[in-house]
């Protein structure tokens, strides 16, 4: 089995396992929801928005975006885990403008230039090819569209050490990037790095924009 296929299988199995408890009141759910809400809080309401959450889990952030924009738009969630997508579809059954698809972040079967906003929370460090994922986000964004990536950010010696430890313990983990590394990745994929929003000492939101 090649490295890419093995990596995808490991991650899909992990998130399939998490799908059963992600909508509970446990600490994992609270931690992830709080992070997602920090991203949603940065968005500016507008009519007819087209919104995508990559690594959407059971769809919670998609629902929060739907509320923020008063349901005026089209809202998508994509996730590698089949069970996460099943839960998301169940959670938002009957919402005609909310859609969920099973997809790898590097290859999302949606049209070019179709989203105003793409978010990704606490999943980027699992991407085997982050440059390919960012190129895919660039393809999907409309000119002027914005990307919000919230992830553990290895700007400190402490988090760089944690990154090495997690990599030894979790085969699904790839890398926690520093702010400078995020800026370089954005530049390589033709995204303008426009801002950084610090959430905690170890979590930041990296904001990019598609210029054309």
N, C-alpha and C. Protein backbone atom coordinates (compact mmCIF):
# COMPACT_ATOMS: atom_id res chain seq x y z
N UNK A 1 0.85 -1.19 0.00
CA UNK A 1 0.00 0.00 0.00
C UNK A 1 0.89 1.25 0.00
N UNK A 2 0.61 2.20 -0.91
CA UNK A 2 1.45 3.39 -0.96
C UNK A 2 1.16 4.32 0.22
N UNK A 3 2.07 5.26 0.43
CA UNK A 3 2.01 6.13 1.60
C UNK A 3 0.74 6.96 1.65
N UNK A 4 0.33 7.52 0.50
CA UNK A 4 -0.85 8.37 0.45
C UNK A 4 -2.12 7.61 0.84
N UNK A 5 -2.27 6.41 0.26
CA UNK A 5 -3.46 5.61 0.55
C UNK A 5 -3.50 5.21 2.02
N UNK A 6 -2.35 4.80 2.58
CA UNK A 6 -2.29 4.41 3.98
C UNK A 6 -2.63 5.57 4.89
N UNK A 7 -2.11 6.74 4.56
CA UNK A 7 -2.37 7.93 5.38
C UNK A 7 -3.86 8.28 5.38
N UNK A 8 -4.48 8.25 4.22
CA UNK A 8 -5.91 8.55 4.14
C UNK A 8 -6.73 7.54 4.93
N UNK A 9 -6.37 6.28 4.85
CA UNK A 9 -7.10 5.25 5.59
C UNK A 9 -6.98 5.45 7.09
N UNK A 10 -5.78 5.77 7.56
CA UNK A 10 -5.57 6.00 9.00
C UNK A 10 -6.43 7.16 9.49
N UNK A 11 -6.46 8.24 8.72
CA UNK A 11 -7.24 9.40 9.13
C UNK A 11 -8.74 9.13 9.05
N UNK A 12 -9.16 8.43 8.02
CA UNK A 12 -10.59 8.12 7.91
C UNK A 12 -11.05 7.26 9.08
N UNK A 13 -10.25 6.27 9.45
CA UNK A 13 -10.60 5.41 10.58
C UNK A 13 -10.66 6.20 11.88
N UNK A 14 -9.71 7.12 12.05
CA UNK A 14 -9.69 7.92 13.28
C UNK A 14 -10.97 8.74 13.40
N UNK A 15 -11.32 9.45 12.33
CA UNK A 15 -12.49 10.33 12.41
C UNK A 15 -13.79 9.54 12.37
N UNK A 16 -13.79 8.37 11.78
CA UNK A 16 -14.96 7.49 11.89
C UNK A 16 -15.21 7.15 13.36
N UNK A 17 -14.13 6.86 14.10
CA UNK A 17 -14.27 6.54 15.53
C UNK A 17 -14.80 7.74 16.31
N UNK A 18 -14.31 8.91 15.98
CA UNK A 18 -14.71 10.13 16.70
C UNK A 18 -16.16 10.53 16.39
N UNK A 19 -16.69 10.09 15.28
CA UNK A 19 -18.02 10.55 14.86
C UNK A 19 -19.11 10.23 15.87
N UNK A 20 -18.94 9.14 16.60
CA UNK A 20 -19.97 8.71 17.56
C UNK A 20 -20.07 9.64 18.75
N UNK A 21 -18.99 10.35 19.09
CA UNK A 21 -19.00 11.17 20.30
C UNK A 21 -18.86 12.67 20.03
N UNK A 22 -18.68 13.06 18.78
CA UNK A 22 -18.38 14.46 18.49
C UNK A 22 -19.52 15.41 18.83
N UNK A 23 -20.74 14.93 18.80
CA UNK A 23 -21.89 15.78 19.14
C UNK A 23 -22.27 15.70 20.61
N UNK A 24 -21.43 15.10 21.42
CA UNK A 24 -21.70 15.00 22.86
C UNK A 24 -21.20 16.24 23.57
N UNK A 25 -21.27 16.24 24.91
CA UNK A 25 -20.77 17.36 25.70
C UNK A 25 -19.38 17.09 26.26
N UNK A 26 -18.67 16.15 25.66
CA UNK A 26 -17.34 15.82 26.14
C UNK A 26 -16.32 16.91 25.85
N UNK A 27 -15.12 16.77 26.43
CA UNK A 27 -14.10 17.82 26.30
C UNK A 27 -13.63 17.98 24.85
N UNK A 28 -13.56 16.87 24.09
CA UNK A 28 -13.11 16.97 22.70
C UNK A 28 -14.08 17.83 21.90
N UNK A 29 -15.37 17.56 22.11
CA UNK A 29 -16.39 18.31 21.39
C UNK A 29 -16.35 19.79 21.76
N UNK A 30 -16.26 20.08 23.05
CA UNK A 30 -16.24 21.48 23.50
C UNK A 30 -15.02 22.23 22.96
N UNK A 31 -13.87 21.57 22.97
CA UNK A 31 -12.65 22.18 22.46
C UNK A 31 -12.77 22.51 20.98
N UNK A 32 -13.26 21.56 20.19
CA UNK A 32 -13.37 21.76 18.76
C UNK A 32 -14.44 22.79 18.42
N UNK A 33 -15.57 22.76 19.13
CA UNK A 33 -16.64 23.72 18.89
C UNK A 33 -16.18 25.15 19.20
N UNK A 34 -15.47 25.31 20.28
CA UNK A 34 -14.98 26.63 20.65
C UNK A 34 -14.05 27.19 19.56
N UNK A 35 -13.19 26.33 19.05
CA UNK A 35 -12.28 26.75 17.97
C UNK A 35 -13.07 27.14 16.72
N UNK A 36 -14.04 26.33 16.36
CA UNK A 36 -14.85 26.62 15.18
C UNK A 36 -15.60 27.94 15.34
N UNK A 37 -16.11 28.18 16.54
CA UNK A 37 -16.85 29.42 16.78
C UNK A 37 -15.95 30.65 16.64
N UNK A 38 -14.68 30.51 17.02
CA UNK A 38 -13.73 31.62 16.87
C UNK A 38 -13.61 32.02 15.41
N UNK A 39 -13.62 31.04 14.52
CA UNK A 39 -13.55 31.34 13.09
C UNK A 39 -14.84 31.97 12.60
N UNK A 40 -15.97 31.40 12.98
CA UNK A 40 -17.27 31.94 12.56
C UNK A 40 -17.42 33.39 13.01
N UNK A 41 -16.89 33.71 14.18
CA UNK A 41 -17.00 35.08 14.70
C UNK A 41 -16.28 36.11 13.84
N UNK A 42 -15.35 35.67 13.02
CA UNK A 42 -14.60 36.60 12.16
C UNK A 42 -15.31 36.90 10.85
N UNK A 43 -16.35 36.14 10.54
CA UNK A 43 -17.01 36.29 9.24
C UNK A 43 -18.00 37.45 9.24
N UNK A 44 -18.07 38.14 8.12
CA UNK A 44 -18.99 39.26 7.97
C UNK A 44 -20.24 38.81 7.23
N UNK A 45 -21.42 38.99 7.85
CA UNK A 45 -22.66 38.57 7.21
C UNK A 45 -22.88 39.23 5.85
N UNK A 46 -23.38 38.47 4.89
CA UNK A 46 -23.72 38.98 3.57
C UNK A 46 -24.77 38.05 2.98
N UNK A 47 -25.50 38.56 2.01
CA UNK A 47 -26.52 37.74 1.34
C UNK A 47 -25.88 36.85 0.28
N UNK A 48 -26.51 35.72 0.05
CA UNK A 48 -26.13 34.80 -1.02
C UNK A 48 -24.68 34.34 -0.93
N UNK A 49 -24.21 34.13 0.29
CA UNK A 49 -22.85 33.64 0.49
C UNK A 49 -22.73 32.19 0.03
N UNK A 50 -21.56 31.83 -0.44
CA UNK A 50 -21.24 30.42 -0.72
C UNK A 50 -20.11 30.04 0.22
N UNK A 51 -20.38 29.07 1.09
CA UNK A 51 -19.52 28.75 2.23
C UNK A 51 -19.14 27.28 2.21
N UNK A 52 -17.87 26.99 2.52
CA UNK A 52 -17.40 25.60 2.58
C UNK A 52 -16.55 25.40 3.82
N UNK A 53 -16.84 24.33 4.56
CA UNK A 53 -16.02 23.90 5.70
C UNK A 53 -15.33 22.60 5.31
N UNK A 54 -13.99 22.62 5.24
CA UNK A 54 -13.22 21.43 4.89
C UNK A 54 -12.75 20.76 6.18
N UNK A 55 -13.13 19.49 6.34
CA UNK A 55 -12.92 18.80 7.61
C UNK A 55 -14.07 19.15 8.54
N UNK A 56 -15.28 19.07 8.00
CA UNK A 56 -16.47 19.62 8.67
C UNK A 56 -16.98 18.76 9.82
N UNK A 57 -16.51 17.52 9.94
CA UNK A 57 -17.03 16.65 10.99
C UNK A 57 -18.52 16.44 10.83
N UNK A 58 -19.25 16.61 11.91
CA UNK A 58 -20.70 16.39 11.87
C UNK A 58 -21.49 17.64 11.47
N UNK A 59 -20.77 18.66 11.00
CA UNK A 59 -21.45 19.80 10.39
C UNK A 59 -21.74 20.98 11.30
N UNK A 60 -21.23 20.98 12.52
CA UNK A 60 -21.60 22.03 13.48
C UNK A 60 -21.27 23.42 12.97
N UNK A 61 -20.07 23.63 12.44
CA UNK A 61 -19.67 24.96 11.97
C UNK A 61 -20.48 25.39 10.75
N UNK A 62 -20.87 24.43 9.93
CA UNK A 62 -21.73 24.74 8.79
C UNK A 62 -23.06 25.29 9.29
N UNK A 63 -23.59 24.66 10.34
CA UNK A 63 -24.83 25.15 10.95
C UNK A 63 -24.68 26.53 11.54
N UNK A 64 -23.54 26.81 12.17
CA UNK A 64 -23.30 28.14 12.74
C UNK A 64 -23.19 29.19 11.65
N UNK A 65 -22.56 28.84 10.54
CA UNK A 65 -22.49 29.76 9.42
C UNK A 65 -23.88 30.02 8.84
N UNK A 66 -24.66 28.97 8.74
CA UNK A 66 -26.04 29.10 8.25
C UNK A 66 -26.82 30.11 9.11
N UNK A 67 -26.65 30.02 10.43
CA UNK A 67 -27.33 30.96 11.33
C UNK A 67 -26.81 32.38 11.14
N UNK A 68 -25.48 32.52 11.04
CA UNK A 68 -24.87 33.85 10.90
C UNK A 68 -25.37 34.56 9.65
N UNK A 69 -25.48 33.81 8.56
CA UNK A 69 -25.91 34.40 7.30
C UNK A 69 -27.42 34.29 7.09
N UNK A 70 -28.15 33.97 8.16
CA UNK A 70 -29.61 33.89 8.13
C UNK A 70 -30.11 32.96 7.02
N UNK A 71 -29.33 31.92 6.75
CA UNK A 71 -29.73 30.92 5.76
C UNK A 71 -29.70 31.41 4.33
N UNK A 72 -29.16 32.63 4.11
CA UNK A 72 -29.17 33.22 2.77
C UNK A 72 -27.88 32.87 2.05
N UNK A 73 -27.90 31.75 1.36
CA UNK A 73 -26.71 31.32 0.64
C UNK A 73 -26.72 29.82 0.42
N UNK A 74 -25.54 29.30 0.11
CA UNK A 74 -25.36 27.87 -0.08
C UNK A 74 -24.20 27.43 0.79
N UNK A 75 -24.41 26.36 1.56
CA UNK A 75 -23.47 25.97 2.59
C UNK A 75 -23.05 24.52 2.39
N UNK A 76 -21.74 24.31 2.32
CA UNK A 76 -21.19 22.98 2.08
C UNK A 76 -20.25 22.57 3.21
N UNK A 77 -20.21 21.27 3.46
CA UNK A 77 -19.20 20.69 4.34
C UNK A 77 -18.59 19.50 3.63
N UNK A 78 -17.27 19.35 3.76
CA UNK A 78 -16.57 18.20 3.18
C UNK A 78 -15.73 17.54 4.25
N UNK A 79 -15.71 16.22 4.25
CA UNK A 79 -14.92 15.49 5.25
C UNK A 79 -14.48 14.15 4.66
N UNK A 80 -13.32 13.70 5.12
CA UNK A 80 -12.78 12.41 4.66
C UNK A 80 -13.55 11.22 5.22
N UNK A 81 -14.18 11.43 6.39
CA UNK A 81 -14.84 10.34 7.10
C UNK A 81 -16.29 10.14 6.62
N UNK A 82 -16.57 8.94 6.16
CA UNK A 82 -17.93 8.61 5.74
C UNK A 82 -18.92 8.73 6.89
N UNK A 83 -18.51 8.30 8.07
CA UNK A 83 -19.42 8.35 9.23
C UNK A 83 -19.68 9.78 9.68
N UNK A 84 -18.68 10.64 9.58
CA UNK A 84 -18.91 12.06 9.89
C UNK A 84 -19.93 12.65 8.94
N UNK A 85 -19.79 12.35 7.66
CA UNK A 85 -20.72 12.88 6.66
C UNK A 85 -22.13 12.34 6.89
N UNK A 86 -22.24 11.07 7.23
CA UNK A 86 -23.56 10.50 7.53
C UNK A 86 -24.22 11.24 8.68
N UNK A 87 -23.44 11.52 9.75
CA UNK A 87 -23.98 12.24 10.91
C UNK A 87 -24.38 13.66 10.52
N UNK A 88 -23.53 14.31 9.72
CA UNK A 88 -23.82 15.67 9.30
C UNK A 88 -25.12 15.74 8.50
N UNK A 89 -25.29 14.80 7.58
CA UNK A 89 -26.52 14.77 6.78
C UNK A 89 -27.74 14.53 7.66
N UNK A 90 -27.57 13.68 8.66
CA UNK A 90 -28.66 13.42 9.59
C UNK A 90 -28.98 14.67 10.41
N UNK A 91 -27.95 15.38 10.85
CA UNK A 91 -28.14 16.58 11.67
C UNK A 91 -28.86 17.69 10.92
N UNK A 92 -28.68 17.75 9.59
CA UNK A 92 -29.25 18.86 8.83
C UNK A 92 -30.21 18.37 7.74
N UNK A 93 -30.85 17.27 8.03
CA UNK A 93 -31.84 16.73 7.11
C UNK A 93 -32.96 17.75 6.90
N UNK A 94 -33.30 17.99 5.63
CA UNK A 94 -34.39 18.91 5.33
C UNK A 94 -33.93 20.32 4.99
N UNK A 95 -32.66 20.63 5.21
CA UNK A 95 -32.12 21.94 4.84
C UNK A 95 -31.69 21.88 3.38
N UNK A 96 -32.45 22.52 2.50
CA UNK A 96 -32.21 22.35 1.06
C UNK A 96 -30.93 23.03 0.59
N UNK A 97 -30.42 24.01 1.33
CA UNK A 97 -29.21 24.71 0.89
C UNK A 97 -27.99 24.38 1.74
N UNK A 98 -28.06 23.25 2.48
CA UNK A 98 -26.90 22.72 3.19
C UNK A 98 -26.56 21.36 2.60
N UNK A 99 -25.29 21.19 2.22
CA UNK A 99 -24.87 19.97 1.53
C UNK A 99 -23.58 19.44 2.15
N UNK A 100 -23.45 18.13 2.18
CA UNK A 100 -22.25 17.49 2.72
C UNK A 100 -21.73 16.45 1.73
N UNK A 101 -20.41 16.44 1.54
CA UNK A 101 -19.80 15.49 0.62
C UNK A 101 -18.56 14.85 1.27
N UNK A 102 -18.35 13.59 0.97
CA UNK A 102 -17.14 12.89 1.41
C UNK A 102 -16.03 13.22 0.42
N UNK A 103 -14.94 13.80 0.92
CA UNK A 103 -13.85 14.19 0.02
C UNK A 103 -12.56 14.41 0.79
N UNK A 104 -11.47 14.13 0.11
CA UNK A 104 -10.13 14.46 0.58
C UNK A 104 -9.89 15.94 0.32
N UNK A 105 -9.24 16.63 1.24
CA UNK A 105 -8.99 18.07 1.09
C UNK A 105 -8.21 18.41 -0.17
N UNK A 106 -7.47 17.46 -0.70
CA UNK A 106 -6.68 17.70 -1.90
C UNK A 106 -7.49 17.57 -3.18
N UNK A 107 -8.70 17.02 -3.08
CA UNK A 107 -9.51 16.78 -4.27
C UNK A 107 -10.99 16.83 -3.90
N UNK A 108 -11.58 18.00 -4.03
CA UNK A 108 -12.98 18.20 -3.65
C UNK A 108 -13.81 18.39 -4.92
N UNK A 109 -14.76 17.51 -5.19
CA UNK A 109 -15.47 17.52 -6.47
C UNK A 109 -16.54 18.61 -6.57
N UNK A 110 -16.06 19.85 -6.57
CA UNK A 110 -16.95 21.01 -6.74
C UNK A 110 -16.32 21.95 -7.77
N UNK A 111 -17.12 22.89 -8.28
CA UNK A 111 -16.69 23.73 -9.39
C UNK A 111 -15.64 24.76 -8.99
N UNK A 112 -14.87 25.20 -9.98
CA UNK A 112 -13.90 26.28 -9.78
C UNK A 112 -14.61 27.58 -9.40
N UNK A 113 -13.91 28.41 -8.65
CA UNK A 113 -14.35 29.80 -8.39
C UNK A 113 -15.78 29.89 -7.87
N UNK A 114 -16.12 29.05 -6.90
CA UNK A 114 -17.53 29.04 -6.47
C UNK A 114 -17.77 29.41 -5.01
N UNK A 115 -16.71 29.63 -4.21
CA UNK A 115 -16.93 29.92 -2.79
C UNK A 115 -16.39 31.29 -2.38
N UNK A 116 -17.20 31.98 -1.58
CA UNK A 116 -16.76 33.25 -0.98
C UNK A 116 -15.87 33.00 0.23
N UNK A 117 -16.17 31.91 0.95
CA UNK A 117 -15.48 31.61 2.20
C UNK A 117 -15.19 30.12 2.28
N UNK A 118 -13.96 29.78 2.63
CA UNK A 118 -13.60 28.41 2.99
C UNK A 118 -12.95 28.44 4.36
N UNK A 119 -13.38 27.54 5.24
CA UNK A 119 -12.74 27.43 6.55
C UNK A 119 -12.21 26.00 6.74
N UNK A 120 -11.22 25.88 7.60
CA UNK A 120 -10.69 24.57 7.99
C UNK A 120 -10.18 24.72 9.42
N UNK A 121 -10.72 23.93 10.33
CA UNK A 121 -10.34 24.06 11.74
C UNK A 121 -9.78 22.75 12.28
N UNK A 122 -8.58 22.84 12.82
CA UNK A 122 -7.91 21.71 13.49
C UNK A 122 -7.81 20.46 12.62
N UNK A 123 -7.60 20.66 11.33
CA UNK A 123 -7.39 19.50 10.45
C UNK A 123 -6.14 19.66 9.58
N UNK A 124 -5.63 20.87 9.43
CA UNK A 124 -4.54 21.11 8.49
C UNK A 124 -3.29 20.30 8.83
N UNK A 125 -3.04 20.08 10.11
CA UNK A 125 -1.83 19.33 10.50
C UNK A 125 -1.92 17.84 10.16
N UNK A 126 -3.07 17.40 9.66
CA UNK A 126 -3.23 16.02 9.21
C UNK A 126 -3.01 15.85 7.71
N UNK A 127 -2.85 16.97 6.98
CA UNK A 127 -2.75 16.89 5.52
C UNK A 127 -1.36 16.44 5.11
N UNK A 128 -1.30 15.36 4.34
CA UNK A 128 -0.01 14.83 3.90
C UNK A 128 0.67 15.77 2.90
N UNK A 129 -0.15 16.42 2.07
CA UNK A 129 0.38 17.37 1.08
C UNK A 129 -0.33 18.72 1.26
N UNK A 130 0.12 19.54 2.20
CA UNK A 130 -0.57 20.81 2.48
C UNK A 130 -0.59 21.75 1.28
N UNK A 131 0.45 21.69 0.45
CA UNK A 131 0.47 22.56 -0.73
C UNK A 131 -0.65 22.18 -1.70
N UNK A 132 -0.91 20.88 -1.85
CA UNK A 132 -1.98 20.45 -2.74
C UNK A 132 -3.35 20.86 -2.19
N UNK A 133 -3.51 20.78 -0.88
CA UNK A 133 -4.78 21.21 -0.27
C UNK A 133 -5.00 22.70 -0.49
N UNK A 134 -3.95 23.49 -0.30
CA UNK A 134 -4.09 24.94 -0.49
C UNK A 134 -4.36 25.29 -1.95
N UNK A 135 -3.76 24.56 -2.88
CA UNK A 135 -4.04 24.79 -4.30
C UNK A 135 -5.50 24.47 -4.61
N UNK A 136 -6.02 23.43 -3.94
CA UNK A 136 -7.43 23.07 -4.13
C UNK A 136 -8.34 24.15 -3.55
N UNK A 137 -7.98 24.69 -2.39
CA UNK A 137 -8.76 25.78 -1.81
C UNK A 137 -8.73 27.00 -2.74
N UNK A 138 -7.57 27.29 -3.30
CA UNK A 138 -7.44 28.41 -4.24
C UNK A 138 -8.36 28.20 -5.44
N UNK A 139 -8.37 26.99 -5.97
CA UNK A 139 -9.23 26.68 -7.13
C UNK A 139 -10.69 26.92 -6.81
N UNK A 140 -11.11 26.55 -5.62
CA UNK A 140 -12.52 26.62 -5.24
C UNK A 140 -12.99 28.02 -4.88
N UNK A 141 -12.07 28.86 -4.42
CA UNK A 141 -12.45 30.22 -4.03
C UNK A 141 -12.74 31.10 -5.24
N UNK A 142 -13.71 31.99 -5.06
CA UNK A 142 -13.92 33.04 -6.04
C UNK A 142 -12.79 34.06 -5.93
N UNK A 143 -12.49 34.81 -6.98
CA UNK A 143 -11.57 35.93 -6.82
C UNK A 143 -12.07 36.87 -5.72
N UNK A 144 -11.21 37.17 -4.76
CA UNK A 144 -11.62 37.97 -3.61
C UNK A 144 -12.12 37.14 -2.45
N UNK A 145 -12.28 35.83 -2.68
CA UNK A 145 -12.75 34.95 -1.61
C UNK A 145 -11.69 34.75 -0.54
N UNK A 146 -12.15 34.40 0.67
CA UNK A 146 -11.23 34.29 1.80
C UNK A 146 -11.16 32.88 2.36
N UNK A 147 -9.96 32.55 2.85
CA UNK A 147 -9.69 31.26 3.48
C UNK A 147 -9.30 31.49 4.93
N UNK A 148 -9.89 30.69 5.83
CA UNK A 148 -9.58 30.78 7.26
C UNK A 148 -9.12 29.40 7.74
N UNK A 149 -7.87 29.30 8.14
CA UNK A 149 -7.35 28.04 8.67
C UNK A 149 -6.98 28.23 10.13
N UNK A 150 -7.67 27.52 11.01
CA UNK A 150 -7.33 27.51 12.43
C UNK A 150 -6.61 26.20 12.72
N UNK A 151 -5.42 26.31 13.30
CA UNK A 151 -4.64 25.11 13.57
C UNK A 151 -3.61 25.41 14.67
N UNK A 152 -3.17 24.38 15.40
CA UNK A 152 -2.04 24.57 16.30
C UNK A 152 -0.88 25.14 15.49
N UNK A 153 -0.24 26.18 16.00
CA UNK A 153 0.79 26.88 15.24
C UNK A 153 2.11 26.86 16.01
N UNK A 154 3.11 26.23 15.41
CA UNK A 154 4.37 25.94 16.11
C UNK A 154 5.34 27.12 16.08
N UNK A 155 4.95 28.20 16.76
CA UNK A 155 5.81 29.38 16.85
C UNK A 155 6.71 29.34 18.09
N UNK A 156 6.44 28.42 18.99
CA UNK A 156 7.22 28.33 20.23
C UNK A 156 8.02 27.03 20.27
N UNK A 157 9.08 27.04 21.06
CA UNK A 157 9.88 25.83 21.26
C UNK A 157 9.01 24.73 21.86
N UNK A 158 8.11 25.12 22.78
CA UNK A 158 7.23 24.15 23.44
C UNK A 158 6.37 23.42 22.42
N UNK A 159 5.72 24.17 21.52
CA UNK A 159 4.81 23.51 20.57
C UNK A 159 5.58 22.71 19.52
N UNK A 160 6.77 23.15 19.19
CA UNK A 160 7.60 22.36 18.28
C UNK A 160 7.95 21.01 18.90
N UNK A 161 8.18 21.02 20.22
CA UNK A 161 8.45 19.78 20.93
C UNK A 161 7.20 18.90 20.97
N UNK A 162 6.04 19.51 21.25
CA UNK A 162 4.77 18.78 21.26
C UNK A 162 4.51 18.16 19.88
N UNK A 163 4.81 18.90 18.84
CA UNK A 163 4.63 18.40 17.47
C UNK A 163 5.42 17.12 17.25
N UNK A 164 6.67 17.10 17.70
CA UNK A 164 7.50 15.91 17.54
C UNK A 164 6.96 14.72 18.34
N UNK A 165 6.45 15.01 19.54
CA UNK A 165 5.89 13.95 20.39
C UNK A 165 4.63 13.36 19.76
N UNK A 166 3.74 14.25 19.30
CA UNK A 166 2.49 13.80 18.68
C UNK A 166 2.78 12.97 17.44
N UNK A 167 3.77 13.37 16.69
CA UNK A 167 4.12 12.63 15.48
C UNK A 167 4.55 11.21 15.80
N UNK A 168 5.19 11.02 16.95
CA UNK A 168 5.61 9.69 17.37
C UNK A 168 4.42 8.85 17.85
N UNK A 169 3.44 9.52 18.46
CA UNK A 169 2.31 8.83 19.07
C UNK A 169 1.14 8.60 18.12
N UNK A 170 0.96 9.49 17.14
CA UNK A 170 -0.18 9.41 16.24
C UNK A 170 0.29 9.30 14.80
N UNK A 171 0.00 8.18 14.18
CA UNK A 171 0.41 7.98 12.79
C UNK A 171 -0.36 8.88 11.83
N UNK A 172 -1.52 9.38 12.28
CA UNK A 172 -2.33 10.24 11.41
C UNK A 172 -1.76 11.66 11.31
N UNK A 173 -0.95 12.01 12.28
CA UNK A 173 -0.41 13.37 12.37
C UNK A 173 0.70 13.58 11.34
N UNK A 174 0.75 14.79 10.75
CA UNK A 174 1.83 15.11 9.80
C UNK A 174 2.76 16.18 10.36
N UNK A 175 2.21 17.40 10.58
CA UNK A 175 3.08 18.49 11.03
C UNK A 175 2.26 19.69 11.50
N UNK A 176 2.71 20.33 12.58
CA UNK A 176 2.19 21.62 12.98
C UNK A 176 3.13 22.69 12.40
N UNK A 177 2.57 23.64 11.69
CA UNK A 177 3.37 24.64 10.99
C UNK A 177 3.48 25.93 11.80
N UNK A 178 4.58 26.63 11.61
CA UNK A 178 4.74 27.94 12.22
C UNK A 178 4.02 28.99 11.38
N UNK A 179 3.85 30.18 11.92
CA UNK A 179 3.22 31.26 11.15
C UNK A 179 4.02 31.54 9.88
N UNK A 180 5.33 31.54 9.99
CA UNK A 180 6.17 31.81 8.82
C UNK A 180 5.98 30.72 7.77
N UNK A 181 5.85 29.48 8.20
CA UNK A 181 5.62 28.38 7.26
C UNK A 181 4.26 28.51 6.58
N UNK A 182 3.24 28.94 7.34
CA UNK A 182 1.93 29.18 6.73
C UNK A 182 2.04 30.27 5.67
N UNK A 183 2.75 31.33 5.97
CA UNK A 183 2.91 32.43 5.01
C UNK A 183 3.58 31.93 3.73
N UNK A 184 4.59 31.11 3.88
CA UNK A 184 5.30 30.57 2.71
C UNK A 184 4.41 29.63 1.90
N UNK A 185 3.63 28.79 2.59
CA UNK A 185 2.72 27.89 1.89
C UNK A 185 1.65 28.66 1.13
N UNK A 186 1.12 29.70 1.74
CA UNK A 186 0.12 30.52 1.06
C UNK A 186 0.73 31.14 -0.20
N UNK A 187 1.94 31.67 -0.06
CA UNK A 187 2.60 32.33 -1.19
C UNK A 187 2.84 31.35 -2.33
N UNK A 188 3.25 30.13 -2.01
CA UNK A 188 3.51 29.11 -3.03
C UNK A 188 2.26 28.71 -3.80
N UNK A 189 1.10 28.90 -3.18
CA UNK A 189 -0.15 28.48 -3.81
C UNK A 189 -0.98 29.68 -4.28
N UNK A 190 -0.31 30.83 -4.45
CA UNK A 190 -0.93 32.03 -5.02
C UNK A 190 -2.04 32.62 -4.16
N UNK A 191 -2.00 32.35 -2.87
CA UNK A 191 -2.94 32.98 -1.93
C UNK A 191 -2.23 34.11 -1.20
N UNK A 192 -2.88 35.22 -1.07
CA UNK A 192 -2.31 36.34 -0.31
C UNK A 192 -2.56 36.12 1.17
N UNK A 193 -1.49 36.05 1.96
CA UNK A 193 -1.63 35.91 3.41
C UNK A 193 -1.99 37.29 3.95
N UNK A 194 -3.22 37.43 4.46
CA UNK A 194 -3.70 38.76 4.80
C UNK A 194 -3.72 39.07 6.29
N UNK A 195 -3.80 38.05 7.16
CA UNK A 195 -3.89 38.36 8.59
C UNK A 195 -3.68 37.10 9.43
N UNK A 196 -3.34 37.33 10.70
CA UNK A 196 -3.24 36.27 11.70
C UNK A 196 -4.07 36.67 12.90
N UNK A 197 -4.87 35.75 13.40
CA UNK A 197 -5.67 36.01 14.59
C UNK A 197 -5.29 34.99 15.65
N UNK A 198 -4.73 35.45 16.76
CA UNK A 198 -4.29 34.55 17.82
C UNK A 198 -5.45 34.18 18.73
N UNK A 199 -5.70 32.89 18.89
CA UNK A 199 -6.78 32.40 19.75
C UNK A 199 -6.24 32.05 21.14
N UNK A 200 -5.19 31.27 21.18
CA UNK A 200 -4.51 30.93 22.44
C UNK A 200 -3.01 31.02 22.16
N UNK A 201 -2.20 30.68 23.15
CA UNK A 201 -0.75 30.68 22.95
C UNK A 201 -0.33 29.72 21.84
N UNK A 202 -1.17 28.72 21.57
CA UNK A 202 -0.77 27.68 20.62
C UNK A 202 -1.69 27.56 19.41
N UNK A 203 -2.78 28.30 19.38
CA UNK A 203 -3.71 28.22 18.25
C UNK A 203 -3.86 29.58 17.59
N UNK A 204 -3.77 29.56 16.26
CA UNK A 204 -3.95 30.80 15.50
C UNK A 204 -4.84 30.54 14.29
N UNK A 205 -5.48 31.60 13.84
CA UNK A 205 -6.24 31.55 12.60
C UNK A 205 -5.42 32.26 11.54
N UNK A 206 -5.14 31.56 10.45
CA UNK A 206 -4.37 32.12 9.34
C UNK A 206 -5.33 32.44 8.21
N UNK A 207 -5.34 33.70 7.80
CA UNK A 207 -6.34 34.17 6.85
C UNK A 207 -5.68 34.51 5.51
N UNK A 208 -6.22 33.93 4.46
CA UNK A 208 -5.71 34.18 3.12
C UNK A 208 -6.81 34.68 2.19
N UNK A 209 -6.39 35.21 1.07
CA UNK A 209 -7.34 35.75 0.09
C UNK A 209 -6.89 35.38 -1.32
N UNK A 210 -7.85 35.03 -2.14
CA UNK A 210 -7.57 34.76 -3.55
C UNK A 210 -7.67 36.08 -4.32
N UNK A 211 -6.59 36.47 -4.94
CA UNK A 211 -6.57 37.76 -5.63
C UNK A 211 -7.21 37.69 -7.02
N UNK A 212 -6.95 36.59 -7.73
CA UNK A 212 -7.55 36.48 -9.07
C UNK A 212 -7.64 35.02 -9.48
